[in-house]
Amino acid sequence: MAGIAPRILCIGIPVRDLTFRVEAVPARGSKANATHLAEICGGNALNAAIAMARLGGRVAFAGPMGDARETSSGFILERMAKEGIDTSHVVRMPDVTTPVSAIMIEPSGERTLTIYRDPGLWSVELPDADVLLADCRAVLVESRCAAFATSLCTEARRRGIPVVVGVDRAMSLQDSLLTAASHLLFASEQVQESAGIADDGEALRHLAKLTPAFLAATRGPLGTIWLNETGELEETPAFPVQAVDTLGAGDVFHGAFTLRLAEGEGVREALRFAAAAAALKCTRHGGGLAAPQRLEVEQLLHMPPAAARSRPARL
């Protein structure tokens, strides 16, 4: 990686995470003892921002956060500063609460969570587009931020800046980000729910009729399925690892993918780079704060499994 690192804007709603390691998620109405507790910062775009910063990007963050007097927002901003993320565009909202989540992580790495998001967060007004998009090589935005981010994303596309949307829930087929994005990264469950089709490939094909954006769906250890420039389905394999914590893995994937686009690479290379970064994250606890460093990813990419290459999908 040569030259000045690309500047990337992340738009999202940060979260203060309380993570508990448990042998199994307790049954309804019961109790369980946790074997470990950690307090970390999270949220889809913030996890992606941390990943990009560690992988060599210059990252700025924009979005709403709670009242300056509360503990959670101060905790998150301090962590962001330690990661080298520019927080000058974060909007502190009086009398609003920063989101907080409680997350239970099983030995397999699977996680179960509950989260509170203050409805007042969506009334935020982002700073001016000229300020946010200055020297910007890519934008990454959480799908839930359409209400306050679509106009900025549309302006970014007008300026030729890629807009990557990390989709973490089913999207309405009328969602404004569906057409404002240049790249839409779903998880398997979300792409099927969005399209109303119980098959990843067919769901992607259906959504391709509604948006000009690049479309992909991640499937954990089964890799990523995506539509190429001719409309054909392809797969990018996952890197096989022993997962201990999948929290934030999708966000790390989104961040790594966006960074490689901003560095001028095509989607095939970006998907493979993202797969390596997400795999490494799954081998350690800590959500987005377990995102790998650039050297780790490069080493994994130079020692790929035999099948770790893009190939036509057999569906």
Protein backbone atom coordinates (compact mmCIF):
# COMPACT_ATOMS: atom_id res chain seq x y z
CA MET A 1 0.00 0.00 0.00
CA ALA A 2 1.74 3.13 -1.21
CA GLY A 3 0.98 6.83 -1.07
CA ILE A 4 -1.44 8.67 1.17
CA ALA A 5 -4.07 6.46 2.80
CA PRO A 6 -7.58 7.06 1.44
CA ARG A 7 -10.03 9.06 3.54
CA ILE A 8 -13.28 7.18 4.17
CA LEU A 9 -16.43 8.53 5.77
CA CYS A 10 -18.48 6.20 7.99
CA ILE A 11 -22.07 7.09 8.87
CA GLY A 12 -23.82 5.26 11.67
CA ILE A 13 -25.08 5.12 15.23
CA PRO A 14 -22.44 3.96 17.75
CA VAL A 15 -23.39 1.56 20.54
CA ARG A 16 -21.96 0.80 23.96
CA ASP A 17 -21.80 -3.03 24.21
CA LEU A 18 -21.80 -5.16 27.34
CA THR A 19 -20.67 -8.65 26.31
CA PHE A 20 -21.14 -11.78 28.40
CA ARG A 21 -19.57 -15.15 27.60
CA VAL A 22 -21.99 -17.96 28.50
CA GLU A 23 -22.04 -21.73 28.07
CA ALA A 24 -25.53 -21.43 26.60
CA VAL A 25 -28.18 -18.72 26.27
CA PRO A 26 -30.49 -19.13 29.29
CA ALA A 27 -34.04 -20.31 28.75
CA ARG A 28 -36.87 -17.82 29.15
CA GLY A 29 -37.39 -16.87 32.78
CA SER A 30 -34.15 -18.51 33.96
CA LYS A 31 -30.69 -17.30 34.98
CA ALA A 32 -27.17 -18.14 33.86
CA ASN A 33 -23.71 -17.22 35.11
CA ALA A 34 -21.32 -15.60 32.65
CA THR A 35 -17.68 -16.65 32.54
CA HIS A 36 -16.45 -13.27 31.26
CA LEU A 37 -17.65 -9.68 31.00
CA ALA A 38 -16.33 -6.98 28.69
CA GLU A 39 -17.46 -3.43 27.98
CA ILE A 40 -16.69 -2.36 24.42
CA CYS A 41 -17.91 0.09 21.81
CA GLY A 42 -19.83 -1.21 18.83
CA GLY A 43 -22.42 -0.50 16.19
CA ASN A 44 -22.17 -1.56 12.55
CA ALA A 45 -20.47 1.51 11.09
CA LEU A 46 -18.21 2.01 14.10
CA ASN A 47 -16.97 -1.59 13.97
CA ALA A 48 -16.28 -1.09 10.26
CA ALA A 49 -14.50 2.19 10.99
CA ILE A 50 -12.22 0.54 13.54
CA ALA A 51 -11.42 -2.21 11.03
CA MET A 52 -10.56 0.32 8.32
CA ALA A 53 -8.37 2.37 10.65
CA ARG A 54 -6.40 -0.73 11.65
CA LEU A 55 -6.09 -1.80 8.02
CA GLY A 56 -4.58 1.52 6.99
CA GLY A 57 -7.44 3.88 6.12
CA ARG A 58 -7.96 7.46 7.28
CA VAL A 59 -11.42 7.26 8.80
CA ALA A 60 -13.90 9.99 9.72
CA PHE A 61 -17.14 9.21 11.52
CA ALA A 62 -20.45 11.07 11.31
CA GLY A 63 -23.70 10.32 13.07
CA PRO A 64 -25.71 10.96 16.22
CA MET A 65 -24.58 10.27 19.76
CA GLY A 66 -26.20 10.95 23.11
CA ASP A 67 -26.04 13.88 25.47
CA ALA A 68 -22.56 15.18 26.32
CA ARG A 69 -23.34 14.64 30.02
CA GLU A 70 -23.88 10.88 29.76
CA THR A 71 -21.24 8.23 30.34
CA SER A 72 -21.76 6.06 27.26
CA SER A 73 -21.01 8.70 24.63
CA GLY A 74 -17.83 9.76 26.41
CA PHE A 75 -16.70 6.14 26.66
CA ILE A 76 -17.22 5.56 22.94
CA LEU A 77 -15.56 8.80 21.82
CA GLU A 78 -12.48 8.02 23.92
CA ARG A 79 -12.20 4.59 22.29
CA MET A 80 -12.63 6.05 18.81
CA ALA A 81 -9.87 8.57 19.46
CA LYS A 82 -7.52 5.76 20.52
CA GLU A 83 -8.19 4.05 17.19
CA GLY A 84 -7.29 7.22 15.30
CA ILE A 85 -10.82 7.88 14.02
CA ASP A 86 -11.77 11.49 13.30
CA THR A 87 -14.78 12.24 15.53
CA SER A 88 -15.16 15.93 14.67
CA HIS A 89 -18.36 15.23 12.69
CA VAL A 90 -20.15 13.30 15.46
CA VAL A 91 -23.31 15.13 16.54
CA ARG A 92 -24.00 15.16 20.29
CA MET A 93 -27.76 15.36 20.89
CA PRO A 94 -29.07 16.97 24.11
CA ASP A 95 -31.33 14.79 26.26
CA VAL A 96 -30.87 11.80 23.94
CA THR A 97 -29.39 8.46 25.04
CA THR A 98 -26.55 6.69 23.25
CA PRO A 99 -27.57 3.10 22.38
CA VAL A 100 -26.60 0.33 24.79
CA SER A 101 -26.68 -3.42 24.09
CA ALA A 102 -26.33 -6.61 26.15
CA ILE A 103 -24.74 -9.47 24.21
CA MET A 104 -24.39 -13.15 25.15
CA ILE A 105 -21.67 -15.08 23.32
CA GLU A 106 -21.64 -18.90 23.29
CA PRO A 107 -18.49 -21.07 22.94
CA SER A 108 -19.27 -21.59 19.24
CA GLY A 109 -18.96 -17.83 18.71
CA GLU A 110 -22.69 -17.40 18.09
CA ARG A 111 -24.16 -14.32 19.78
CA THR A 112 -27.58 -13.26 21.05
CA LEU A 113 -28.25 -9.63 21.85
CA THR A 114 -30.77 -7.02 22.86
CA ILE A 115 -30.32 -3.32 22.26
CA TYR A 116 -31.97 -0.01 23.12
CA ARG A 117 -31.86 2.85 20.60
CA ASP A 118 -33.38 6.18 21.54
CA PRO A 119 -35.92 7.22 18.85
CA GLY A 120 -34.55 10.77 19.10
CA LEU A 121 -31.33 9.72 17.37
CA TRP A 122 -33.02 9.72 13.96
CA SER A 123 -33.79 13.44 14.14
CA VAL A 124 -30.09 14.25 13.74
CA GLU A 125 -28.91 16.65 11.04
CA LEU A 126 -25.51 15.77 9.62
CA PRO A 127 -22.90 18.46 8.85
CA ASP A 128 -22.74 19.99 5.37
CA ALA A 129 -21.90 17.66 2.47
CA ASP A 130 -18.97 19.81 1.33
CA VAL A 131 -17.38 19.32 4.74
CA LEU A 132 -18.10 15.59 5.04
CA LEU A 133 -17.14 14.66 1.49
CA ALA A 134 -13.99 16.75 1.16
CA ASP A 135 -11.08 14.50 0.09
CA CYS A 136 -13.38 11.48 0.53
CA ARG A 137 -12.65 8.29 -1.43
CA ALA A 138 -15.60 6.22 -0.18
CA VAL A 139 -18.62 6.33 2.13
CA LEU A 140 -19.83 3.47 4.29
CA VAL A 141 -23.27 3.76 5.87
CA GLU A 142 -25.49 1.58 8.05
CA SER A 143 -28.74 0.63 6.33
CA ARG A 144 -30.76 1.91 9.30
CA CYS A 145 -29.48 5.46 8.70
CA ALA A 146 -31.47 6.13 5.51
CA ALA A 147 -33.66 8.76 7.18
CA PHE A 148 -30.76 11.15 7.75
CA ALA A 149 -28.06 9.90 5.36
CA THR A 150 -29.71 9.36 1.96
CA SER A 151 -29.27 12.91 0.68
CA LEU A 152 -25.57 12.84 1.57
CA CYS A 153 -25.15 9.45 -0.10
CA THR A 154 -26.89 10.72 -3.22
CA GLU A 155 -24.53 13.70 -3.34
CA ALA A 156 -21.55 11.39 -2.87
CA ARG A 157 -22.65 9.32 -5.86
CA ARG A 158 -23.10 12.50 -7.90
CA ARG A 159 -19.47 13.27 -7.15
CA GLY A 160 -18.39 9.79 -8.20
CA ILE A 161 -17.68 8.58 -4.66
CA PRO A 162 -18.57 4.92 -3.94
CA VAL A 163 -21.28 4.45 -1.31
CA VAL A 164 -21.24 1.08 0.45
CA VAL A 165 -24.28 0.14 2.52
CA GLY A 166 -23.82 -2.50 5.21
CA VAL A 167 -27.24 -4.13 5.51
CA ASP A 168 -27.90 -5.69 8.92
CA ARG A 169 -31.69 -6.07 8.68
CA ALA A 170 -34.28 -6.59 5.96
CA MET A 171 -34.60 -3.58 3.66
CA SER A 172 -37.86 -2.28 2.31
CA LEU A 173 -37.95 -2.44 -1.48
CA GLN A 174 -38.78 1.27 -1.31
CA ASP A 175 -35.77 2.06 0.92
CA SER A 176 -34.04 5.17 -0.41
CA LEU A 177 -30.58 3.68 0.13
CA LEU A 178 -31.43 0.85 -2.26
CA THR A 179 -30.85 3.19 -5.18
CA ALA A 180 -28.54 5.74 -3.50
CA ALA A 181 -25.86 3.08 -2.93
CA SER A 182 -23.18 1.91 -5.33
CA HIS A 183 -22.60 -1.31 -3.34
CA LEU A 184 -25.05 -3.21 -1.11
CA LEU A 185 -23.62 -5.87 1.21
CA PHE A 186 -26.26 -8.10 2.78
CA ALA A 187 -26.09 -11.13 5.03
CA SER A 188 -27.89 -14.22 3.74
CA GLU A 189 -30.88 -13.85 6.06
CA GLN A 190 -31.33 -10.16 5.23
CA VAL A 191 -31.14 -10.58 1.45
CA GLN A 192 -33.75 -13.33 1.55
CA GLU A 193 -36.05 -11.33 3.81
CA SER A 194 -35.64 -8.20 1.70
CA ALA A 195 -36.48 -9.96 -1.55
CA GLY A 196 -39.06 -12.34 -0.06
CA ILE A 197 -37.23 -15.26 -1.70
CA ALA A 198 -35.71 -18.16 0.24
CA ASP A 199 -32.59 -18.47 -1.92
CA ASP A 200 -29.58 -16.17 -1.85
CA GLY A 201 -28.87 -16.19 -5.57
CA GLU A 202 -32.46 -15.67 -6.66
CA ALA A 203 -32.89 -12.96 -4.03
CA LEU A 204 -29.88 -11.10 -5.42
CA ARG A 205 -31.23 -11.42 -8.96
CA HIS A 206 -34.58 -10.04 -7.84
CA LEU A 207 -33.00 -7.03 -6.12
CA ALA A 208 -30.84 -6.38 -9.20
CA LYS A 209 -34.05 -5.44 -11.03
CA LEU A 210 -34.59 -2.62 -8.51
CA THR A 211 -31.12 -1.13 -8.09
CA PRO A 212 -28.02 -0.54 -10.22
CA ALA A 213 -25.81 -1.21 -7.17
CA PHE A 214 -23.33 -4.07 -6.84
CA LEU A 215 -25.03 -6.80 -4.78
CA ALA A 216 -23.51 -9.41 -2.48
CA ALA A 217 -24.63 -11.62 0.40
CA THR A 218 -22.31 -13.02 3.06
CA ARG A 219 -22.96 -16.52 4.38
CA GLY A 220 -20.46 -16.96 7.20
CA PRO A 221 -18.27 -20.04 6.67
CA LEU A 222 -19.97 -20.67 3.30
CA GLY A 223 -18.41 -17.51 1.87
CA THR A 224 -19.97 -14.72 -0.16
CA ILE A 225 -22.26 -14.91 -3.17
CA TRP A 226 -22.47 -11.95 -5.53
CA LEU A 227 -23.54 -10.75 -8.95
CA ASN A 228 -20.78 -9.83 -11.39
CA GLU A 229 -20.90 -7.13 -14.05
CA THR A 230 -22.67 -9.45 -16.51
CA GLY A 231 -25.35 -10.47 -14.01
CA GLU A 232 -23.88 -13.92 -13.31
CA LEU A 233 -23.58 -15.33 -9.81
CA GLU A 234 -20.11 -15.87 -8.39
CA GLU A 235 -18.78 -17.03 -5.04
CA THR A 236 -15.85 -15.89 -2.94
CA PRO A 237 -14.94 -18.59 -0.41
CA ALA A 238 -14.51 -17.92 3.29
CA PHE A 239 -11.20 -18.64 5.01
CA PRO A 240 -11.70 -21.61 7.34
CA VAL A 241 -10.98 -20.69 10.96
CA GLN A 242 -11.94 -21.82 14.44
CA ALA A 243 -14.53 -19.17 15.38
CA VAL A 244 -14.83 -18.07 19.01
CA ASP A 245 -16.75 -14.79 18.55
CA THR A 246 -18.70 -13.76 15.45
CA LEU A 247 -19.81 -10.41 16.92
CA GLY A 248 -18.81 -7.66 14.50
CA ALA A 249 -17.48 -10.03 11.82
CA GLY A 250 -19.89 -8.74 9.18
CA ASP A 251 -19.00 -5.15 10.04
CA VAL A 252 -15.29 -5.90 9.72
CA PHE A 253 -16.05 -7.47 6.32
CA HIS A 254 -17.87 -4.29 5.22
CA GLY A 255 -15.03 -2.07 6.41
CA ALA A 256 -12.31 -4.10 4.74
CA PHE A 257 -14.28 -4.26 1.48
CA THR A 258 -14.83 -0.50 1.48
CA LEU A 259 -11.17 0.22 2.17
CA ARG A 260 -10.00 -1.88 -0.78
CA LEU A 261 -12.47 -0.12 -3.05
CA ALA A 262 -11.13 3.23 -1.83
CA GLU A 263 -7.61 1.99 -2.57
CA GLY A 264 -8.65 1.41 -6.17
CA GLU A 265 -9.15 -2.36 -6.22
CA GLY A 266 -12.02 -4.14 -7.94
CA VAL A 267 -14.76 -6.09 -6.20
CA ARG A 268 -13.08 -9.51 -6.54
CA GLU A 269 -9.97 -8.40 -4.69
CA ALA A 270 -12.06 -6.39 -2.20
CA LEU A 271 -14.24 -9.42 -1.40
CA ARG A 272 -11.25 -11.69 -0.84
CA PHE A 273 -9.51 -9.10 1.35
CA ALA A 274 -12.73 -8.66 3.34
CA ALA A 275 -13.13 -12.42 3.77
CA ALA A 276 -9.64 -12.66 5.27
CA ALA A 277 -10.22 -9.75 7.66
CA ALA A 278 -13.56 -11.13 8.85
CA ALA A 279 -12.11 -14.61 9.36
CA LEU A 280 -9.32 -13.28 11.55
CA LYS A 281 -11.79 -11.27 13.61
CA CYS A 282 -13.79 -14.45 14.34
CA THR A 283 -10.74 -16.08 15.96
CA ARG A 284 -10.73 -13.63 18.87
CA HIS A 285 -13.15 -12.06 21.31
CA GLY A 286 -13.99 -8.36 21.37
CA GLY A 287 -16.45 -7.48 18.61
CA GLY A 288 -15.12 -4.81 16.29
CA LEU A 289 -12.26 -4.16 18.71
CA ALA A 290 -10.92 -7.58 17.67
CA ALA A 291 -10.46 -6.40 14.07
CA PRO A 292 -7.06 -7.44 12.67
CA GLN A 293 -4.09 -5.36 11.59
CA ARG A 294 -3.11 -5.03 7.91
CA LEU A 295 -0.08 -7.30 8.19
CA GLU A 296 -2.20 -10.13 9.60
CA VAL A 297 -4.59 -9.93 6.68
CA GLU A 298 -1.80 -9.80 4.12
CA GLN A 299 -0.19 -12.86 5.68
CA LEU A 300 -3.44 -14.82 5.53
CA LEU A 301 -3.97 -13.79 1.91
CA HIS A 302 -0.55 -15.17 1.01
CA MET A 303 -1.38 -18.48 2.69
CA PRO A 304 -4.88 -19.12 1.29
CA PRO A 305 -6.74 -22.42 1.29
CA ALA A 306 -6.62 -24.17 -2.07
CA ALA A 307 -10.19 -23.14 -2.88
CA ALA A 308 -9.82 -19.50 -1.79
CA ARG A 309 -10.48 -17.87 -5.11
CA SER A 310 -13.54 -16.46 -6.83
CA ARG A 311 -15.34 -19.08 -8.91
CA PRO A 312 -18.67 -19.38 -10.73
CA ALA A 313 -21.51 -20.32 -8.40
CA ARG A 314 -22.95 -23.79 -8.81
CA LEU A 315 -26.62 -23.17 -8.05
